């Protein structure tokens, strides 16, 4: 192999490692989902596409309400398995093109791209079905309690995405949420 070919091979390997490393920074190691930063990075691109094409985005915010109880009652291993179960439930409830992210310890979000307004209730029902099946068939430590809030955003309605995301997140926090519960990470994450 000549020096020029070797240089190209090494450069390609370095680029591949750099891109894999960057991708790893945007993924949650526990669940394999995007992190908050990954969601923000991809959301900006999909929001621009939706504004340009007149499309819509569906945002689902989810809170794993009994994670703390599972961790205290069954240990960190059970909590980790339950988090992985939640990740799989969310992924299997969405299309491949949708962005699924873990925003914080017990907080998740799904951003459905190229959506239409009727997609929001359909996605919520699909998620509820997957959760019900999991709770009936794979429940060694009890059911997973997952609370969700869903909304549809379109540039046509004149609302900026940050205000929309704040409203979806506030809906999740306000429905039966104890006063002392921490605010979701999403609130400050969706600026722009």
C-alpha atoms as a PDB file:
ATOM      1  CA  UNK A   1       0.000   0.000   0.000  1.00  0.00           C
ATOM      2  CA  UNK A   2       1.424   3.380  -0.968  1.00  0.00           C
ATOM      3  CA  UNK A   3       1.563   6.395   1.361  1.00  0.00           C
ATOM      4  CA  UNK A   4      -1.325   8.173  -0.362  1.00  0.00           C
ATOM      5  CA  UNK A   5      -3.698   5.198   0.017  1.00  0.00           C
ATOM      6  CA  UNK A   6      -2.618   4.700   3.619  1.00  0.00           C
ATOM      7  CA  UNK A   7      -3.347   8.383   4.326  1.00  0.00           C
ATOM      8  CA  UNK A   8      -6.862   8.080   2.874  1.00  0.00           C
ATOM      9  CA  UNK A   9      -7.565   4.941   4.901  1.00  0.00           C
ATOM     10  CA  UNK A  10      -6.330   6.571   8.123  1.00  0.00           C
ATOM     11  CA  UNK A  11      -8.310   9.754   7.428  1.00  0.00           C
ATOM     12  CA  UNK A  12     -11.492   7.752   6.786  1.00  0.00           C
ATOM     13  CA  UNK A  13     -10.960   5.751   9.984  1.00  0.00           C
ATOM     14  CA  UNK A  14     -10.408   8.934  11.987  1.00  0.00           C
ATOM     15  CA  UNK A  15     -13.534  10.544  10.540  1.00  0.00           C
ATOM     16  CA  UNK A  16     -15.583   7.446  11.264  1.00  0.00           C
ATOM     17  CA  UNK A  17     -14.341   7.392  14.863  1.00  0.00           C
ATOM     18  CA  UNK A  18     -15.032  11.095  15.262  1.00  0.00           C
ATOM     19  CA  UNK A  19     -18.582  10.760  13.933  1.00  0.00           C
ATOM     20  CA  UNK A  20     -19.241   7.676  16.066  1.00  0.00           C
ATOM     21  CA  UNK A  21     -17.935   9.568  19.089  1.00  0.00           C
ATOM     22  CA  UNK A  22     -20.186  12.512  18.280  1.00  0.00           C
ATOM     23  CA  UNK A  23     -23.168  10.180  17.852  1.00  0.00           C
ATOM     24  CA  UNK A  24     -22.356   8.611  21.222  1.00  0.00           C
ATOM     25  CA  UNK A  25     -22.528  12.051  22.843  1.00  0.00           C
ATOM     26  CA  UNK A  26     -26.097  12.412  21.577  1.00  0.00           C
ATOM     27  CA  UNK A  27     -27.217   8.984  22.877  1.00  0.00           C
ATOM     28  CA  UNK A  28     -28.150   7.918  26.398  1.00  0.00           C
ATOM     29  CA  UNK A  29     -25.934   4.943  27.322  1.00  0.00           C
ATOM     30  CA  UNK A  30     -28.642   3.322  29.492  1.00  0.00           C
ATOM     31  CA  UNK A  31     -31.466   3.307  26.947  1.00  0.00           C
ATOM     32  CA  UNK A  32     -29.842   3.953  23.571  1.00  0.00           C
ATOM     33  CA  UNK A  33     -32.284   6.831  23.042  1.00  0.00           C
ATOM     34  CA  UNK A  34     -31.214  10.315  22.079  1.00  0.00           C
ATOM     35  CA  UNK A  35     -30.204  12.591  24.933  1.00  0.00           C
ATOM     36  CA  UNK A  36     -31.700  16.013  25.520  1.00  0.00           C
ATOM     37  CA  UNK A  37     -28.886  17.485  23.395  1.00  0.00           C
ATOM     38  CA  UNK A  38     -29.595  14.989  20.618  1.00  0.00           C
ATOM     39  CA  UNK A  39     -33.274  15.908  20.618  1.00  0.00           C
ATOM     40  CA  UNK A  40     -32.459  19.618  20.486  1.00  0.00           C
ATOM     41  CA  UNK A  41     -29.998  19.129  17.643  1.00  0.00           C
ATOM     42  CA  UNK A  42     -32.432  17.130  15.519  1.00  0.00           C
ATOM     43  CA  UNK A  43     -35.487  19.190  16.499  1.00  0.00           C
ATOM     44  CA  UNK A  44     -33.968  22.335  15.024  1.00  0.00           C
ATOM     45  CA  UNK A  45     -33.535  20.682  11.633  1.00  0.00           C
ATOM     46  CA  UNK A  46     -37.004  19.133  11.590  1.00  0.00           C
ATOM     47  CA  UNK A  47     -38.616  22.358  12.756  1.00  0.00           C
ATOM     48  CA  UNK A  48     -36.976  24.230   9.879  1.00  0.00           C
ATOM     49  CA  UNK A  49     -38.208  21.560   7.454  1.00  0.00           C
ATOM     50  CA  UNK A  50     -41.753  21.818   8.843  1.00  0.00           C
ATOM     51  CA  UNK A  51     -41.701  25.609   8.549  1.00  0.00           C
ATOM     52  CA  UNK A  52     -40.463  25.413   4.953  1.00  0.00           C
ATOM     53  CA  UNK A  53     -42.925  22.717   3.844  1.00  0.00           C
ATOM     54  CA  UNK A  54     -45.916  23.666   5.991  1.00  0.00           C
ATOM     55  CA  UNK A  55     -45.672  20.346   7.850  1.00  0.00           C
ATOM     56  CA  UNK A  56     -46.404  19.572  11.468  1.00  0.00           C
ATOM     57  CA  UNK A  57     -44.582  18.077  14.443  1.00  0.00           C
ATOM     58  CA  UNK A  58     -46.163  16.048  17.244  1.00  0.00           C
ATOM     59  CA  UNK A  59     -44.521  16.263  20.658  1.00  0.00           C
ATOM     60  CA  UNK A  60     -45.163  13.673  23.349  1.00  0.00           C
ATOM     61  CA  UNK A  61     -43.739  14.355  26.792  1.00  0.00           C
ATOM     62  CA  UNK A  62     -43.663  11.361  29.138  1.00  0.00           C
ATOM     63  CA  UNK A  63     -42.900  10.995  32.825  1.00  0.00           C
ATOM     64  CA  UNK A  64     -42.016   7.612  34.370  1.00  0.00           C
ATOM     65  CA  UNK A  65     -43.897   8.255  37.593  1.00  0.00           C
ATOM     66  CA  UNK A  66     -42.979   5.212  39.650  1.00  0.00           C
ATOM     67  CA  UNK A  67     -39.278   4.918  38.797  1.00  0.00           C
ATOM     68  CA  UNK A  68     -38.247   6.071  42.271  1.00  0.00           C
ATOM     69  CA  UNK A  69     -40.583   3.529  43.900  1.00  0.00           C
ATOM     70  CA  UNK A  70     -39.170   0.711  41.747  1.00  0.00           C
ATOM     71  CA  UNK A  71     -35.611   1.722  42.610  1.00  0.00           C
ATOM     72  CA  UNK A  72     -36.358   1.832  46.351  1.00  0.00           C
ATOM     73  CA  UNK A  73     -38.400  -1.376  46.401  1.00  0.00           C
ATOM     74  CA  UNK A  74     -36.472  -3.592  43.982  1.00  0.00           C
ATOM     75  CA  UNK A  75     -33.051  -1.990  43.647  1.00  0.00           C
ATOM     76  CA  UNK A  76     -31.177  -0.106  40.946  1.00  0.00           C
ATOM     77  CA  UNK A  77     -31.014  -3.141  38.629  1.00  0.00           C
ATOM     78  CA  UNK A  78     -34.807  -3.344  38.431  1.00  0.00           C
ATOM     79  CA  UNK A  79     -35.023   0.409  37.846  1.00  0.00           C
ATOM     80  CA  UNK A  80     -32.474   0.145  35.023  1.00  0.00           C
ATOM     81  CA  UNK A  81     -34.446  -2.669  33.386  1.00  0.00           C
ATOM     82  CA  UNK A  82     -37.647  -0.663  33.738  1.00  0.00           C
ATOM     83  CA  UNK A  83     -35.980   2.359  32.084  1.00  0.00           C
ATOM     84  CA  UNK A  84     -34.915   0.137  29.193  1.00  0.00           C
ATOM     85  CA  UNK A  85     -38.481  -1.199  28.987  1.00  0.00           C
ATOM     86  CA  UNK A  86     -39.851   2.358  28.797  1.00  0.00           C
ATOM     87  CA  UNK A  87     -37.358   3.144  26.031  1.00  0.00           C
ATOM     88  CA  UNK A  88     -38.491   0.087  24.054  1.00  0.00           C
ATOM     89  CA  UNK A  89     -42.168   0.908  24.595  1.00  0.00           C
ATOM     90  CA  UNK A  90     -41.599   4.428  23.246  1.00  0.00           C
ATOM     91  CA  UNK A  91     -39.519   3.247  20.280  1.00  0.00           C
ATOM     92  CA  UNK A  92     -42.045   0.570  19.311  1.00  0.00           C
ATOM     93  CA  UNK A  93     -44.888   3.081  19.590  1.00  0.00           C
ATOM     94  CA  UNK A  94     -43.327   5.393  17.001  1.00  0.00           C
ATOM     95  CA  UNK A  95     -42.210   5.424  13.411  1.00  0.00           C
ATOM     96  CA  UNK A  96     -38.551   5.007  12.526  1.00  0.00           C
ATOM     97  CA  UNK A  97     -38.391   8.653  11.474  1.00  0.00           C
ATOM     98  CA  UNK A  98     -39.558   9.906  14.892  1.00  0.00           C
ATOM     99  CA  UNK A  99     -37.076  11.126  17.486  1.00  0.00           C
ATOM    100  CA  UNK A 100     -37.253   9.408  20.877  1.00  0.00           C
ATOM    101  CA  UNK A 101     -35.182  10.895  23.702  1.00  0.00           C
ATOM    102  CA  UNK A 102     -34.510  10.505  27.389  1.00  0.00           C
ATOM    103  CA  UNK A 103     -34.424  14.038  28.757  1.00  0.00           C
ATOM    104  CA  UNK A 104     -33.638  13.297  32.371  1.00  0.00           C
ATOM    105  CA  UNK A 105     -33.763  10.557  34.973  1.00  0.00           C
ATOM    106  CA  UNK A 106     -37.467   9.781  34.467  1.00  0.00           C
ATOM    107  CA  UNK A 107     -38.364  12.132  31.629  1.00  0.00           C
ATOM    108  CA  UNK A 108     -38.786  11.232  27.978  1.00  0.00           C
ATOM    109  CA  UNK A 109     -39.934  12.928  24.791  1.00  0.00           C
ATOM    110  CA  UNK A 110     -40.984  11.828  21.331  1.00  0.00           C
ATOM    111  CA  UNK A 111     -40.916  14.223  18.402  1.00  0.00           C
ATOM    112  CA  UNK A 112     -42.883  12.919  15.439  1.00  0.00           C
ATOM    113  CA  UNK A 113     -41.843  14.559  12.194  1.00  0.00           C
ATOM    114  CA  UNK A 114     -43.934  14.952   9.042  1.00  0.00           C
ATOM    115  CA  UNK A 115     -47.034  14.459  11.164  1.00  0.00           C
ATOM    116  CA  UNK A 116     -50.619  15.551  10.694  1.00  0.00           C
ATOM    117  CA  UNK A 117     -52.929  16.765  13.451  1.00  0.00           C
ATOM    118  CA  UNK A 118     -54.794  13.427  13.848  1.00  0.00           C
ATOM    119  CA  UNK A 119     -51.431  11.734  14.553  1.00  0.00           C
ATOM    120  CA  UNK A 120     -51.306  12.959  18.167  1.00  0.00           C
ATOM    121  CA  UNK A 121     -54.230  10.935  19.568  1.00  0.00           C
ATOM    122  CA  UNK A 122     -53.274   7.932  17.430  1.00  0.00           C
ATOM    123  CA  UNK A 123     -49.739   7.982  18.820  1.00  0.00           C
ATOM    124  CA  UNK A 124     -51.022   8.341  22.370  1.00  0.00           C
ATOM    125  CA  UNK A 125     -53.354   5.342  21.960  1.00  0.00           C
ATOM    126  CA  UNK A 126     -50.564   3.257  20.429  1.00  0.00           C
ATOM    127  CA  UNK A 127     -48.279   4.134  23.328  1.00  0.00           C
ATOM    128  CA  UNK A 128     -51.011   3.244  25.855  1.00  0.00           C
ATOM    129  CA  UNK A 129     -51.532  -0.133  24.117  1.00  0.00           C
ATOM    130  CA  UNK A 130     -47.822  -0.985  24.190  1.00  0.00           C
ATOM    131  CA  UNK A 131     -47.611   0.014  27.841  1.00  0.00           C
ATOM    132  CA  UNK A 132     -50.663  -2.088  28.756  1.00  0.00           C
ATOM    133  CA  UNK A 133     -49.202  -5.149  27.015  1.00  0.00           C
ATOM    134  CA  UNK A 134     -45.882  -4.692  28.803  1.00  0.00           C
ATOM    135  CA  UNK A 135     -47.579  -4.284  32.169  1.00  0.00           C
ATOM    136  CA  UNK A 136     -49.580  -7.512  31.627  1.00  0.00           C
ATOM    137  CA  UNK A 137     -46.801  -9.683  30.234  1.00  0.00           C
ATOM    138  CA  UNK A 138     -43.488  -8.438  31.667  1.00  0.00           C
ATOM    139  CA  UNK A 139     -44.077  -7.136  35.125  1.00  0.00           C
ATOM    140  CA  UNK A 140     -41.767  -8.813  37.662  1.00  0.00           C
ATOM    141  CA  UNK A 141     -41.794  -5.694  39.864  1.00  0.00           C
ATOM    142  CA  UNK A 142     -45.187  -4.270  39.033  1.00  0.00           C
ATOM    143  CA  UNK A 143     -46.568  -1.954  36.382  1.00  0.00           C
ATOM    144  CA  UNK A 144     -44.788   0.971  34.818  1.00  0.00           C
ATOM    145  CA  UNK A 145     -46.728   4.177  35.388  1.00  0.00           C
ATOM    146  CA  UNK A 146     -46.108   6.469  32.435  1.00  0.00           C
ATOM    147  CA  UNK A 147     -47.953   9.775  32.233  1.00  0.00           C
ATOM    148  CA  UNK A 148     -48.011  11.600  28.914  1.00  0.00           C
ATOM    149  CA  UNK A 149     -48.932  14.917  27.391  1.00  0.00           C
ATOM    150  CA  UNK A 150     -49.278  15.354  23.626  1.00  0.00           C
ATOM    151  CA  UNK A 151     -49.535  18.300  21.262  1.00  0.00           C
ATOM    152  CA  UNK A 152     -49.256  19.126  17.563  1.00  0.00           C
ATOM    153  CA  UNK A 153     -47.215  22.085  16.287  1.00  0.00           C
ATOM    154  CA  UNK A 154     -47.383  23.703  12.882  1.00  0.00           C
ATOM    155  CA  UNK A 155     -45.814  26.903  11.621  1.00  0.00           C
ATOM    156  CA  UNK A 156     -49.223  27.734  10.131  1.00  0.00           C
ATOM    157  CA  UNK A 157     -50.752  28.348  13.557  1.00  0.00           C
ATOM    158  CA  UNK A 158     -48.277  31.186  14.238  1.00  0.00           C
ATOM    159  CA  UNK A 159     -47.106  29.834  17.599  1.00  0.00           C
ATOM    160  CA  UNK A 160     -43.379  29.533  18.136  1.00  0.00           C
ATOM    161  CA  UNK A 161     -42.093  26.074  18.988  1.00  0.00           C
ATOM    162  CA  UNK A 162     -40.729  27.066  22.411  1.00  0.00           C
ATOM    163  CA  UNK A 163     -44.145  28.266  23.608  1.00  0.00           C
ATOM    164  CA  UNK A 164     -45.745  25.115  22.208  1.00  0.00           C
ATOM    165  CA  UNK A 165     -43.208  22.849  23.966  1.00  0.00           C
ATOM    166  CA  UNK A 166     -43.694  24.771  27.225  1.00  0.00           C
ATOM    167  CA  UNK A 167     -47.471  24.237  26.999  1.00  0.00           C
ATOM    168  CA  UNK A 168     -47.147  20.480  26.367  1.00  0.00           C
ATOM    169  CA  UNK A 169     -44.673  20.169  29.232  1.00  0.00           C
ATOM    170  CA  UNK A 170     -46.858  22.270  31.558  1.00  0.00           C
ATOM    171  CA  UNK A 171     -49.834  20.048  30.764  1.00  0.00           C
ATOM    172  CA  UNK A 172     -47.792  17.024  31.824  1.00  0.00           C
ATOM    173  CA  UNK A 173     -46.661  18.691  35.056  1.00  0.00           C
ATOM    174  CA  UNK A 174     -50.105  19.978  36.011  1.00  0.00           C
ATOM    175  CA  UNK A 175     -52.203  16.837  35.601  1.00  0.00           C
ATOM    176  CA  UNK A 176     -52.172  15.159  39.007  1.00  0.00           C
ATOM    177  CA  UNK A 177     -48.582  16.170  39.685  1.00  0.00           C
ATOM    178  CA  UNK A 178     -47.637  16.714  43.336  1.00  0.00           C
ATOM    179  CA  UNK A 179     -46.490  20.245  44.124  1.00  0.00           C
ATOM    180  CA  UNK A 180     -43.014  19.159  45.242  1.00  0.00           C
ATOM    181  CA  UNK A 181     -42.182  17.336  41.993  1.00  0.00           C
ATOM    182  CA  UNK A 182     -39.266  18.816  40.000  1.00  0.00           C
ATOM    183  CA  UNK A 183     -40.047  20.531  36.699  1.00  0.00           C
ATOM    184  CA  UNK A 184     -39.266  18.621  33.541  1.00  0.00           C
ATOM    185  CA  UNK A 185     -35.992  19.236  31.764  1.00  0.00           C
ATOM    186  CA  UNK A 186     -37.872  19.965  28.535  1.00  0.00           C
ATOM    187  CA  UNK A 187     -39.115  23.369  29.678  1.00  0.00           C
ATOM    188  CA  UNK A 188     -35.780  25.107  29.212  1.00  0.00           C
ATOM    189  CA  UNK A 189     -34.519  22.690  26.608  1.00  0.00           C
ATOM    190  CA  UNK A 190     -36.779  23.713  23.732  1.00  0.00           C
ATOM    191  CA  UNK A 191     -35.897  27.360  23.338  1.00  0.00           C
ATOM    192  CA  UNK A 192     -35.607  28.488  19.778  1.00  0.00           C
END
